Amino acid sequence: MNEFTVVDLLRHGEPNGGQKFRGAVDDPLSEHGWEQMRTAVGDYREWEAIISSPLIRCAAFAQELAERLDCPLHIVPVFTEISFGVWEGRSVAEVHETDPRALGQFWRDPVAYPIPGGEPVVDFDRRISQAWEALLEEYRGRHVLLVTHGGVIRMVLRQLLDMPIRRIWRMEAPFASLTRMRVHRDPESEPHLVFHNGRLA
């Protein structure tokens, strides 16, 4: 077994309908979104397993890639995006037009100012922390790909960098962006962010 577990996190590409508050809303990828994800992974073939959110904007590409690489695919429901409550399916511009104060407060402090009807950010953080620890345990010493969402990637980064939850929106996670984490088998060793929004070698 390798000393390190390496996890590459790939955000889904652009869905149909463009940029929206899209947590539970299950829009498929646009043609451009498919192109973004295929370009992001290129001909890379080093993954030993692929893990994916069940939402179609992640799972459809993960399945295509797993078949192309003849690689095991595991759909893991806990890696879904945060629920955006009453803002689901609406663009930032639409929410800003109807409720600019609530939107600004949420960007500045999502803990103190949650979205009505949405998943509390603290609960989301706990869910992703547990899912991440389970992934590291199951795939210890291997190199895997996690196809997931912007909020999930931000939360994994937040935990690895020990950032306050209130500051998660300071990090960008563009469509089809790639992030790599490297975690040593020794629990006393520090995990490492190898790159964020980077390229595969």
Protein backbone atom coordinates (compact mmCIF):
# COMPACT_ATOMS: atom_id res chain seq x y z
CA MET A 1 0.00 0.00 0.00
CA ASN A 2 1.22 3.50 -0.83
CA GLU A 3 2.16 5.90 1.93
CA PHE A 4 -0.21 8.54 0.58
CA THR A 5 -3.86 8.69 -0.40
CA VAL A 6 -4.28 11.07 -3.33
CA VAL A 7 -7.74 12.44 -4.07
CA ASP A 8 -8.48 14.57 -7.12
CA LEU A 9 -11.71 16.55 -6.83
CA LEU A 10 -13.42 17.53 -10.08
CA ARG A 11 -16.33 19.95 -10.09
CA HIS A 12 -19.04 19.27 -12.64
CA GLY A 13 -19.14 21.38 -15.78
CA GLU A 14 -21.75 23.95 -16.75
CA PRO A 15 -25.31 22.57 -16.46
CA ASN A 16 -28.20 23.47 -18.69
CA GLY A 17 -29.48 26.86 -17.57
CA GLY A 18 -26.05 28.23 -16.66
CA GLN A 19 -25.03 29.60 -13.26
CA LYS A 20 -27.74 29.22 -10.60
CA PHE A 21 -28.25 28.30 -6.98
CA ARG A 22 -28.44 24.63 -7.80
CA GLY A 23 -28.25 22.19 -4.90
CA ALA A 24 -30.95 19.55 -5.19
CA VAL A 25 -32.05 20.82 -8.63
CA ASP A 26 -30.82 18.07 -10.94
CA ASP A 27 -30.11 19.79 -14.27
CA PRO A 28 -27.97 17.81 -16.73
CA LEU A 29 -24.74 19.12 -18.21
CA SER A 30 -24.91 21.42 -21.20
CA GLU A 31 -22.87 20.53 -24.28
CA HIS A 32 -20.32 23.09 -23.10
CA GLY A 33 -20.30 21.44 -19.66
CA TRP A 34 -19.48 18.04 -21.19
CA GLU A 35 -16.67 19.66 -23.17
CA GLN A 36 -15.30 21.38 -20.04
CA MET A 37 -15.10 18.10 -18.12
CA ARG A 38 -13.63 16.08 -20.96
CA THR A 39 -11.00 18.78 -21.46
CA ALA A 40 -10.21 18.88 -17.73
CA VAL A 41 -9.39 15.16 -17.50
CA GLY A 42 -7.86 14.82 -20.97
CA ASP A 43 -6.10 11.47 -21.40
CA TYR A 44 -5.22 11.07 -17.72
CA ARG A 45 -5.49 7.41 -16.62
CA GLU A 46 -3.96 7.19 -13.13
CA TRP A 47 -7.14 6.85 -11.05
CA GLU A 48 -7.82 3.53 -9.33
CA ALA A 49 -11.46 4.35 -8.62
CA ILE A 50 -13.99 7.09 -9.38
CA ILE A 51 -16.43 8.35 -6.74
CA SER A 52 -19.35 10.59 -7.69
CA SER A 53 -22.27 12.54 -6.37
CA PRO A 54 -25.52 10.94 -7.59
CA LEU A 55 -26.73 14.16 -9.23
CA ILE A 56 -26.73 13.82 -12.99
CA ARG A 57 -24.39 16.76 -13.65
CA CYS A 58 -21.69 14.71 -11.88
CA ALA A 59 -22.76 11.09 -12.30
CA ALA A 60 -23.30 11.10 -16.08
CA PHE A 61 -19.73 12.20 -16.77
CA ALA A 62 -18.33 9.96 -14.02
CA GLN A 63 -20.00 6.97 -15.65
CA GLU A 64 -18.67 7.87 -19.10
CA LEU A 65 -15.15 8.29 -17.70
CA ALA A 66 -15.28 5.07 -15.67
CA GLU A 67 -16.33 3.11 -18.75
CA ARG A 68 -13.60 4.70 -20.86
CA LEU A 69 -10.91 3.95 -18.26
CA ASP A 70 -12.37 0.58 -17.23
CA CYS A 71 -12.31 1.91 -13.68
CA PRO A 72 -14.66 1.14 -10.74
CA LEU A 73 -17.37 3.74 -10.18
CA HIS A 74 -18.99 4.34 -6.79
CA ILE A 75 -21.98 6.68 -6.42
CA VAL A 76 -21.97 8.20 -2.93
CA PRO A 77 -25.11 10.19 -2.02
CA VAL A 78 -23.52 12.16 0.84
CA PHE A 79 -21.32 14.04 -1.64
CA THR A 80 -24.32 15.98 -3.00
CA GLU A 81 -24.34 19.78 -2.97
CA ILE A 82 -25.73 21.90 -0.13
CA SER A 83 -29.46 22.62 -0.47
CA PHE A 84 -30.16 26.28 -1.24
CA GLY A 85 -33.72 26.27 0.08
CA VAL A 86 -35.94 29.04 -1.29
CA TRP A 87 -33.17 30.12 -3.70
CA GLU A 88 -33.03 26.77 -5.49
CA GLY A 89 -33.08 27.18 -9.27
CA ARG A 90 -32.72 30.97 -9.16
CA SER A 91 -29.77 32.98 -10.45
CA VAL A 92 -27.70 35.23 -8.20
CA ALA A 93 -29.04 38.23 -10.14
CA GLU A 94 -32.65 37.16 -9.47
CA VAL A 95 -32.04 36.74 -5.75
CA HIS A 96 -30.14 40.03 -5.61
CA GLU A 97 -33.05 41.82 -7.26
CA THR A 98 -35.64 40.47 -4.81
CA ASP A 99 -33.61 40.18 -1.59
CA PRO A 100 -30.20 41.87 -1.82
CA ARG A 101 -29.80 42.19 1.95
CA ALA A 102 -30.29 38.47 2.61
CA LEU A 103 -27.92 37.58 -0.23
CA GLY A 104 -25.20 39.91 1.05
CA GLN A 105 -25.54 38.58 4.58
CA PHE A 106 -25.31 35.00 3.34
CA TRP A 107 -22.11 35.72 1.40
CA ARG A 108 -20.54 37.44 4.43
CA ASP A 109 -21.64 34.97 7.10
CA PRO A 110 -23.58 31.87 5.97
CA VAL A 111 -23.59 30.51 9.52
CA ALA A 112 -25.41 33.46 11.09
CA TYR A 113 -27.59 34.13 8.02
CA PRO A 114 -28.71 30.80 6.51
CA ILE A 115 -30.96 30.53 3.47
CA PRO A 116 -34.59 29.96 4.49
CA GLY A 117 -35.42 26.31 3.95
CA GLY A 118 -31.82 25.45 3.04
CA GLU A 119 -29.35 23.08 4.65
CA PRO A 120 -27.55 24.86 7.50
CA VAL A 121 -23.91 25.38 6.57
CA VAL A 122 -22.73 23.83 9.84
CA ASP A 123 -24.73 20.67 9.04
CA PHE A 124 -23.31 20.62 5.52
CA ASP A 125 -19.79 20.96 6.90
CA ARG A 126 -20.39 18.04 9.27
CA ARG A 127 -21.85 15.89 6.49
CA ILE A 128 -18.90 16.50 4.18
CA SER A 129 -16.36 15.99 6.98
CA GLN A 130 -17.82 12.57 7.77
CA ALA A 131 -18.01 11.62 4.09
CA TRP A 132 -14.42 12.74 3.51
CA GLU A 133 -13.08 10.74 6.45
CA ALA A 134 -14.97 7.67 5.21
CA LEU A 135 -13.52 8.13 1.71
CA LEU A 136 -9.96 8.40 3.06
CA GLU A 137 -10.47 5.25 5.11
CA GLU A 138 -11.99 3.22 2.26
CA TYR A 139 -9.43 4.27 -0.36
CA ARG A 140 -6.35 4.50 1.89
CA GLY A 141 -3.12 4.39 -0.09
CA ARG A 142 -4.86 4.76 -3.46
CA HIS A 143 -5.30 7.51 -6.07
CA VAL A 144 -8.97 8.28 -6.72
CA LEU A 145 -11.17 10.87 -8.41
CA LEU A 146 -14.16 12.48 -6.69
CA VAL A 147 -16.64 14.10 -9.10
CA THR A 148 -18.68 16.54 -7.05
CA HIS A 149 -19.91 20.10 -6.49
CA GLY A 150 -18.46 23.52 -5.74
CA GLY A 151 -19.77 23.60 -2.19
CA VAL A 152 -18.33 20.17 -1.42
CA ILE A 153 -14.92 21.18 -2.74
CA ARG A 154 -14.98 24.38 -0.68
CA MET A 155 -15.84 22.43 2.46
CA VAL A 156 -13.05 19.89 1.94
CA LEU A 157 -10.63 22.78 1.39
CA ARG A 158 -11.96 24.57 4.47
CA GLN A 159 -11.35 21.52 6.61
CA LEU A 160 -7.91 20.80 5.19
CA LEU A 161 -6.78 24.45 5.59
CA ASP A 162 -8.55 24.87 8.95
CA MET A 163 -10.46 27.93 7.73
CA PRO A 164 -13.51 29.39 9.51
CA ILE A 165 -16.76 28.16 7.97
CA ARG A 166 -17.86 31.78 7.56
CA ARG A 167 -15.12 32.33 4.97
CA ILE A 168 -15.93 29.51 2.52
CA TRP A 169 -17.20 31.85 -0.20
CA ARG A 170 -13.75 33.47 -0.44
CA MET A 171 -12.62 30.40 -2.42
CA GLU A 172 -13.60 29.96 -6.04
CA ALA A 173 -14.34 26.55 -7.53
CA PRO A 174 -15.15 27.12 -11.22
CA PHE A 175 -16.98 24.65 -13.43
CA ALA A 176 -14.77 21.62 -14.23
CA SER A 177 -12.03 22.83 -11.88
CA LEU A 178 -9.58 20.27 -10.47
CA THR A 179 -8.19 20.16 -6.94
CA ARG A 180 -5.71 17.62 -5.56
CA MET A 181 -5.30 16.55 -1.93
CA ARG A 182 -2.54 14.29 -0.62
CA VAL A 183 -3.02 12.63 2.77
CA HIS A 184 -0.33 10.57 4.54
CA ARG A 185 -1.27 7.21 6.12
CA ASP A 186 0.15 8.46 9.43
CA PRO A 187 -2.69 10.41 11.12
CA GLU A 188 -0.10 12.60 12.84
CA SER A 189 1.12 13.91 9.48
CA GLU A 190 -0.34 17.04 7.94
CA PRO A 191 -2.52 16.65 4.82
CA HIS A 192 -1.47 18.71 1.80
CA LEU A 193 -3.25 20.74 -0.82
CA VAL A 194 -1.21 19.93 -3.93
CA PHE A 195 -3.11 22.28 -6.24
CA HIS A 196 -6.49 24.01 -6.57
CA ASN A 197 -8.05 24.84 -9.94
CA GLY A 198 -4.94 23.29 -11.49
CA ARG A 199 -4.04 20.89 -14.29
CA LEU A 200 -3.30 17.20 -14.36
CA ALA A 201 0.31 16.35 -15.16
